[in-house]
Protein backbone atom coordinates (compact mmCIF):
# COMPACT_ATOMS: atom_id res chain seq x y z
CA MET A 1 58.56 -43.24 36.06
CA THR A 2 55.76 -42.88 38.51
CA ALA A 3 52.12 -42.32 37.56
CA LEU A 4 52.27 -38.73 38.85
CA GLU A 5 55.41 -38.03 36.78
CA ARG A 6 53.67 -39.53 33.70
CA LEU A 7 50.64 -37.26 34.39
CA LEU A 8 52.86 -34.23 34.69
CA ILE A 9 54.67 -34.99 31.44
CA LEU A 10 51.34 -35.55 29.69
CA ALA A 11 50.20 -32.16 30.92
CA VAL A 12 53.39 -30.52 29.51
CA LEU A 13 52.90 -32.34 26.20
CA ALA A 14 49.24 -31.21 26.08
CA GLN A 15 50.31 -27.60 26.68
CA MET A 16 52.81 -27.90 23.78
CA VAL A 17 50.12 -29.33 21.51
CA LEU A 18 47.84 -26.45 22.41
CA THR A 19 50.57 -23.94 21.57
CA ILE A 20 51.13 -25.56 18.17
CA ALA A 21 47.37 -25.77 17.54
CA VAL A 22 46.95 -22.05 18.29
CA GLY A 23 49.85 -21.40 15.93
CA PHE A 24 48.15 -23.29 13.15
CA TRP A 25 44.87 -21.46 13.90
CA LEU A 26 46.82 -18.17 13.60
CA GLY A 27 48.22 -19.21 10.26
CA TRP A 28 44.80 -20.29 9.05
CA THR A 29 43.08 -17.05 10.09
CA ARG A 30 45.78 -14.96 8.39
CA ARG A 31 45.64 -17.10 5.25
CA ILE A 32 41.86 -16.56 5.00
CA ALA A 33 42.33 -12.78 5.55
CA VAL A 34 44.91 -12.65 2.73
CA ALA A 35 42.88 -14.84 0.36
CA GLU A 36 39.76 -12.63 0.99
CA LYS A 37 41.86 -9.50 0.47
CA LYS A 38 40.95 -8.16 3.88
CA VAL A 39 44.50 -7.01 4.42
CA GLY A 40 46.91 -4.81 2.50
CA PRO A 41 50.54 -5.48 1.56
CA GLY A 42 51.99 -3.72 4.70
CA VAL A 43 49.94 -5.69 7.20
CA MET A 44 52.87 -7.75 8.47
CA LEU A 45 54.38 -4.59 9.94
CA SER A 46 51.40 -3.88 12.18
CA PRO A 47 49.14 -6.33 13.97
CA GLU A 48 46.32 -3.82 13.89
CA GLY A 49 45.96 -4.37 10.15
CA TRP A 50 44.60 -7.87 10.55
CA PRO A 51 40.91 -8.74 11.01
CA LYS A 52 39.66 -9.26 14.57
CA GLN A 53 39.85 -13.12 14.42
CA ALA A 54 43.45 -13.09 13.24
CA ARG A 55 44.45 -10.52 15.93
CA ALA A 56 42.73 -12.63 18.60
CA ALA A 57 44.70 -15.73 17.38
CA SER A 58 47.93 -13.74 17.31
CA ASN A 59 47.37 -12.41 20.82
CA ASN A 60 46.56 -15.91 22.10
CA PHE A 61 49.63 -17.34 20.46
CA SER A 62 51.73 -14.76 22.26
CA ASN A 63 49.92 -15.60 25.50
CA GLN A 64 51.19 -19.19 25.08
CA PHE A 65 54.69 -17.88 25.82
CA GLU A 66 53.87 -15.89 28.90
CA VAL A 67 52.51 -17.67 32.04
CA PRO A 68 53.12 -21.11 30.49
CA VAL A 69 56.86 -20.42 30.68
CA LEU A 70 56.53 -20.52 34.48
CA PHE A 71 54.52 -23.82 34.09
CA TYR A 72 57.26 -25.34 32.01
CA ALA A 73 60.01 -24.23 34.44
CA LEU A 74 58.15 -25.58 37.44
CA THR A 75 57.39 -28.95 35.83
CA LEU A 76 60.99 -29.46 34.75
CA LEU A 77 62.22 -28.42 38.17
CA ALA A 78 59.83 -30.87 39.91
CA LEU A 79 60.84 -33.67 37.58
CA TRP A 80 64.55 -32.93 38.09
CA MET A 81 64.13 -32.79 41.92
CA LYS A 82 62.03 -36.02 41.84
CA ALA A 83 59.45 -33.95 43.73
CA VAL A 84 56.26 -34.63 41.79
CA ASP A 85 53.48 -34.98 44.25
CA PRO A 86 49.61 -35.12 43.78
CA ILE A 87 49.21 -31.38 44.44
CA LEU A 88 51.70 -30.47 41.72
CA ALA A 89 50.31 -33.01 39.20
CA VAL A 90 46.67 -31.92 39.67
CA ALA A 91 47.62 -28.26 39.57
CA ALA A 92 49.41 -28.94 36.25
CA VAL A 93 46.34 -30.64 34.79
CA VAL A 94 44.12 -27.77 35.96
CA PHE A 95 46.55 -25.24 34.45
CA VAL A 96 46.45 -26.96 31.03
CA ALA A 97 42.64 -27.27 31.12
CA SER A 98 42.41 -23.60 31.94
CA ARG A 99 44.76 -22.73 29.08
CA ILE A 100 42.62 -24.76 26.66
CA ALA A 101 39.45 -23.06 27.91
CA HIS A 102 41.23 -19.67 27.64
CA ALA A 103 42.40 -20.35 24.06
CA ILE A 104 38.92 -21.45 22.99
CA ALA A 105 37.36 -18.29 24.54
CA HIS A 106 40.08 -15.99 23.21
CA CYS A 107 40.08 -17.36 19.68
CA GLY A 108 36.27 -17.80 19.65
CA SER A 109 33.82 -15.30 21.07
CA ASN A 110 36.54 -13.48 23.10
CA ASP A 111 33.90 -13.03 25.79
CA LEU A 112 35.69 -11.88 28.95
CA ARG A 113 33.05 -13.52 31.14
CA PHE A 114 34.65 -16.84 30.04
CA ARG A 115 38.17 -15.83 29.10
CA ALA A 116 39.10 -13.94 32.31
CA PRO A 117 38.12 -16.74 34.73
CA ALA A 118 39.94 -19.29 32.63
CA TYR A 119 43.05 -17.13 32.72
CA PHE A 120 42.69 -16.56 36.49
CA VAL A 121 42.32 -20.31 37.18
CA GLY A 122 45.52 -20.95 35.26
CA VAL A 123 47.49 -18.32 37.21
CA VAL A 124 46.23 -19.72 40.52
CA ALA A 125 47.27 -23.26 39.34
CA VAL A 126 50.79 -21.99 38.60
CA ILE A 127 50.91 -20.25 42.01
CA VAL A 128 49.90 -23.56 43.70
CA MET A 129 52.65 -25.30 41.76
CA LEU A 130 55.15 -22.66 42.80
CA ILE A 131 54.18 -22.86 46.51
CA ASP A 132 54.26 -26.63 46.39
CA THR A 133 57.74 -26.60 44.81
CA ILE A 134 59.07 -24.07 47.36
CA ALA A 135 57.65 -26.20 50.15
CA THR A 136 59.41 -29.27 48.75
CA VAL A 137 62.73 -27.36 48.58
CA VAL A 138 62.30 -26.03 52.16
CA ARG A 139 61.52 -29.55 53.50
CA ALA A 140 64.55 -31.08 51.75
């Protein structure tokens, strides 16, 4: 395994850890809401019934299964094709860093001045990964 492949795999593992961490945060915020009787018995049927912090965690957890799916597919494809290059590896690290920043902003203050740029950087990183992978396929 090359150093770039190792870096790419570490980025994938970091994204997985982030997803699990957000899932635990979601569970924690919901547990607190139930313990403090901030929700009624029918809350599980409607996300609007949860307090703001639990809704933000829930929304962020769902976000971890949107654009990151493209990230996972591109990383697996690059590893399978033996086409991991510096551009792809750096873009993968940037993507994961942006997802961490996005999760912190989303589950914290939810300030769009921080959250939106973090999201945008992640999308651009995935686009760079996609273009790099397409270029690799075309060159082959």
